[in-house]
């Protein structure tokens, strides 16, 4: 069993999850996979592109929410 990474502990385990597919350039996908791999190596956890995307969203959440509000 792998150890949870630092982001896993901060995540609300009761949050509803959604599975989706996204279309991105291969070079972007490779970058996300590489970041996930290196984070897993550093924390001893499991590589997760989903966690990388989640962290990116959290880092920009207020900016994204402002964009939605300005267009509604």
N, C-alpha and C. Protein backbone atom coordinates (compact mmCIF):
# COMPACT_ATOMS: atom_id res chain seq x y z
N UNK A 1 0.85 -1.18 0.00
CA UNK A 1 0.00 0.00 0.00
C UNK A 1 0.89 1.24 0.00
N UNK A 2 0.61 2.19 -0.87
CA UNK A 2 1.43 3.39 -0.97
C UNK A 2 0.99 4.44 0.04
N UNK A 3 1.94 5.30 0.40
CA UNK A 3 1.65 6.37 1.34
C UNK A 3 0.91 7.50 0.64
N UNK A 4 -0.06 8.13 1.31
CA UNK A 4 -0.73 9.27 0.68
C UNK A 4 0.23 10.45 0.62
N UNK A 5 0.15 11.21 -0.46
CA UNK A 5 0.96 12.41 -0.59
C UNK A 5 0.39 13.53 0.25
N UNK A 6 1.11 14.65 0.36
CA UNK A 6 0.64 15.76 1.19
C UNK A 6 -0.68 16.35 0.70
N UNK A 7 -0.92 16.36 -0.60
CA UNK A 7 -2.17 16.91 -1.13
C UNK A 7 -3.36 16.01 -0.81
N UNK A 8 -3.11 14.73 -0.67
CA UNK A 8 -4.19 13.79 -0.39
C UNK A 8 -4.79 14.05 0.97
N UNK A 9 -3.97 14.38 1.96
CA UNK A 9 -4.46 14.64 3.31
C UNK A 9 -5.33 15.89 3.35
N UNK A 10 -4.98 16.89 2.55
CA UNK A 10 -5.71 18.16 2.55
C UNK A 10 -7.04 18.05 1.81
N UNK A 11 -7.18 17.07 0.96
CA UNK A 11 -8.39 16.92 0.15
C UNK A 11 -9.55 16.47 1.02
N UNK A 12 -10.73 17.00 0.75
CA UNK A 12 -11.94 16.59 1.47
C UNK A 12 -12.40 15.26 0.91
N UNK A 13 -12.26 14.18 1.69
CA UNK A 13 -12.62 12.85 1.21
C UNK A 13 -14.11 12.69 0.96
N UNK A 14 -14.94 13.60 1.49
CA UNK A 14 -16.37 13.50 1.26
C UNK A 14 -16.80 14.21 -0.03
N UNK A 15 -15.86 14.85 -0.71
CA UNK A 15 -16.18 15.55 -1.94
C UNK A 15 -16.63 14.58 -3.02
N UNK A 16 -17.65 14.96 -3.75
CA UNK A 16 -18.14 14.13 -4.85
C UNK A 16 -17.15 14.21 -6.01
N UNK A 17 -16.86 13.09 -6.60
CA UNK A 17 -15.90 13.04 -7.70
C UNK A 17 -16.63 12.82 -9.01
N UNK A 18 -16.04 13.28 -10.10
CA UNK A 18 -16.60 13.13 -11.44
C UNK A 18 -15.49 12.65 -12.36
N UNK A 19 -15.77 11.67 -13.17
CA UNK A 19 -14.81 11.19 -14.16
C UNK A 19 -15.14 11.83 -15.49
N UNK A 20 -14.11 12.30 -16.18
CA UNK A 20 -14.31 12.96 -17.46
C UNK A 20 -13.13 12.68 -18.37
N UNK A 21 -13.26 13.07 -19.60
CA UNK A 21 -12.16 12.99 -20.57
C UNK A 21 -11.88 14.40 -21.06
N UNK A 22 -10.63 14.70 -21.24
CA UNK A 22 -10.26 16.00 -21.79
C UNK A 22 -9.37 15.77 -23.01
N UNK A 23 -9.39 16.70 -23.91
CA UNK A 23 -8.56 16.63 -25.11
C UNK A 23 -7.49 17.70 -24.99
N UNK A 24 -6.25 17.24 -24.83
CA UNK A 24 -5.11 18.16 -24.71
C UNK A 24 -3.99 17.67 -25.61
N UNK A 25 -3.07 18.57 -25.87
CA UNK A 25 -1.93 18.20 -26.71
C UNK A 25 -1.10 17.13 -26.01
N UNK A 26 -0.49 16.27 -26.79
CA UNK A 26 0.33 15.19 -26.26
C UNK A 26 1.45 15.72 -25.38
N UNK A 27 2.06 16.82 -25.77
CA UNK A 27 3.17 17.38 -24.97
C UNK A 27 2.66 17.86 -23.61
N UNK A 28 1.43 18.37 -23.55
CA UNK A 28 0.85 18.79 -22.27
C UNK A 28 0.55 17.58 -21.39
N UNK A 29 0.00 16.52 -21.99
CA UNK A 29 -0.27 15.29 -21.27
C UNK A 29 1.02 14.70 -20.70
N UNK A 30 2.08 14.70 -21.51
CA UNK A 30 3.36 14.18 -21.05
C UNK A 30 3.91 15.00 -19.89
N UNK A 31 3.72 16.32 -19.95
CA UNK A 31 4.17 17.17 -18.85
C UNK A 31 3.41 16.85 -17.57
N UNK A 32 2.09 16.72 -17.66
CA UNK A 32 1.29 16.38 -16.48
C UNK A 32 1.71 15.03 -15.91
N UNK A 33 1.94 14.05 -16.76
CA UNK A 33 2.39 12.73 -16.29
C UNK A 33 3.75 12.80 -15.62
N UNK A 34 4.64 13.61 -16.19
CA UNK A 34 5.98 13.74 -15.60
C UNK A 34 5.92 14.41 -14.23
N UNK A 35 5.12 15.45 -14.12
CA UNK A 35 4.97 16.13 -12.83
C UNK A 35 4.39 15.16 -11.81
N UNK A 36 3.35 14.42 -12.19
CA UNK A 36 2.74 13.45 -11.29
C UNK A 36 3.76 12.40 -10.84
N UNK A 37 4.55 11.92 -11.77
CA UNK A 37 5.56 10.91 -11.46
C UNK A 37 6.59 11.45 -10.47
N UNK A 38 7.09 12.65 -10.73
CA UNK A 38 8.12 13.22 -9.85
C UNK A 38 7.56 13.57 -8.48
N UNK A 39 6.32 14.01 -8.41
CA UNK A 39 5.70 14.26 -7.10
C UNK A 39 5.57 12.95 -6.33
N UNK A 40 5.19 11.89 -7.02
CA UNK A 40 5.07 10.59 -6.37
C UNK A 40 6.42 10.09 -5.87
N UNK A 41 7.45 10.31 -6.64
CA UNK A 41 8.79 9.92 -6.22
C UNK A 41 9.20 10.67 -4.96
N UNK A 42 8.85 11.95 -4.89
CA UNK A 42 9.23 12.78 -3.75
C UNK A 42 8.46 12.42 -2.48
N UNK A 43 7.19 12.02 -2.64
CA UNK A 43 6.34 11.77 -1.47
C UNK A 43 6.21 10.29 -1.14
N UNK A 44 6.65 9.43 -2.04
CA UNK A 44 6.49 8.01 -1.82
C UNK A 44 5.09 7.52 -2.14
N UNK A 45 4.29 8.40 -2.72
CA UNK A 45 2.90 8.05 -3.05
C UNK A 45 2.77 7.53 -4.46
N UNK A 46 1.56 7.60 -4.95
CA UNK A 46 1.22 7.10 -6.28
C UNK A 46 1.10 8.28 -7.24
N UNK A 47 1.57 8.12 -8.47
CA UNK A 47 1.48 9.17 -9.47
C UNK A 47 0.02 9.40 -9.84
N UNK A 48 -0.41 10.67 -9.83
CA UNK A 48 -1.80 10.98 -10.15
C UNK A 48 -1.89 12.29 -10.93
N UNK A 49 -2.19 12.17 -12.22
CA UNK A 49 -2.41 13.36 -13.04
C UNK A 49 -3.61 14.13 -12.50
N UNK A 50 -4.61 13.43 -12.01
CA UNK A 50 -5.79 14.10 -11.44
C UNK A 50 -5.40 15.01 -10.29
N UNK A 51 -4.48 14.58 -9.45
CA UNK A 51 -4.03 15.42 -8.33
C UNK A 51 -3.28 16.65 -8.83
N UNK A 52 -2.51 16.50 -9.90
CA UNK A 52 -1.80 17.65 -10.47
C UNK A 52 -2.81 18.67 -10.99
N UNK A 53 -3.82 18.20 -11.72
CA UNK A 53 -4.85 19.09 -12.26
C UNK A 53 -5.62 19.75 -11.12
N UNK A 54 -5.97 18.97 -10.08
CA UNK A 54 -6.68 19.52 -8.94
C UNK A 54 -5.87 20.63 -8.27
N UNK A 55 -4.57 20.41 -8.09
CA UNK A 55 -3.71 21.42 -7.48
C UNK A 55 -3.63 22.68 -8.34
N UNK A 56 -3.57 22.50 -9.65
CA UNK A 56 -3.55 23.66 -10.55
C UNK A 56 -4.85 24.46 -10.43
N UNK A 57 -5.97 23.76 -10.35
CA UNK A 57 -7.26 24.43 -10.20
C UNK A 57 -7.33 25.17 -8.86
N UNK A 58 -6.91 24.52 -7.80
CA UNK A 58 -6.94 25.16 -6.47
C UNK A 58 -6.06 26.40 -6.43
N UNK A 59 -4.92 26.35 -7.10
CA UNK A 59 -4.01 27.50 -7.13
C UNK A 59 -4.63 28.69 -7.85
N UNK A 60 -5.56 28.44 -8.76
CA UNK A 60 -6.19 29.49 -9.57
C UNK A 60 -7.68 29.63 -9.31
N UNK A 61 -8.19 28.98 -8.26
CA UNK A 61 -9.64 28.94 -8.01
C UNK A 61 -10.28 30.31 -8.00
N UNK A 62 -9.73 31.27 -7.26
CA UNK A 62 -10.38 32.59 -7.19
C UNK A 62 -10.39 33.28 -8.55
N UNK A 63 -9.34 33.14 -9.30
CA UNK A 63 -9.27 33.71 -10.65
C UNK A 63 -10.33 33.07 -11.57
N UNK A 64 -10.47 31.76 -11.50
CA UNK A 64 -11.45 31.06 -12.32
C UNK A 64 -12.88 31.45 -11.91
N UNK A 65 -13.12 31.56 -10.61
CA UNK A 65 -14.46 31.95 -10.14
C UNK A 65 -14.80 33.37 -10.56
N UNK A 66 -13.82 34.27 -10.53
CA UNK A 66 -14.04 35.64 -11.00
C UNK A 66 -14.41 35.66 -12.48
N UNK A 67 -13.73 34.82 -13.27
CA UNK A 67 -14.03 34.75 -14.69
C UNK A 67 -15.47 34.30 -14.93
N UNK A 68 -15.92 33.30 -14.18
CA UNK A 68 -17.28 32.81 -14.32
C UNK A 68 -18.28 33.90 -13.95
N UNK A 69 -18.04 34.60 -12.85
CA UNK A 69 -18.94 35.66 -12.39
C UNK A 69 -19.01 36.80 -13.40
N UNK A 70 -17.89 37.13 -14.01
CA UNK A 70 -17.87 38.25 -14.95
C UNK A 70 -18.60 37.93 -16.24
N UNK A 71 -18.79 36.66 -16.52
CA UNK A 71 -19.46 36.26 -17.76
C UNK A 71 -20.89 35.79 -17.54
N UNK A 72 -21.37 35.83 -16.28
CA UNK A 72 -22.75 35.40 -16.06
C UNK A 72 -23.69 36.56 -15.86
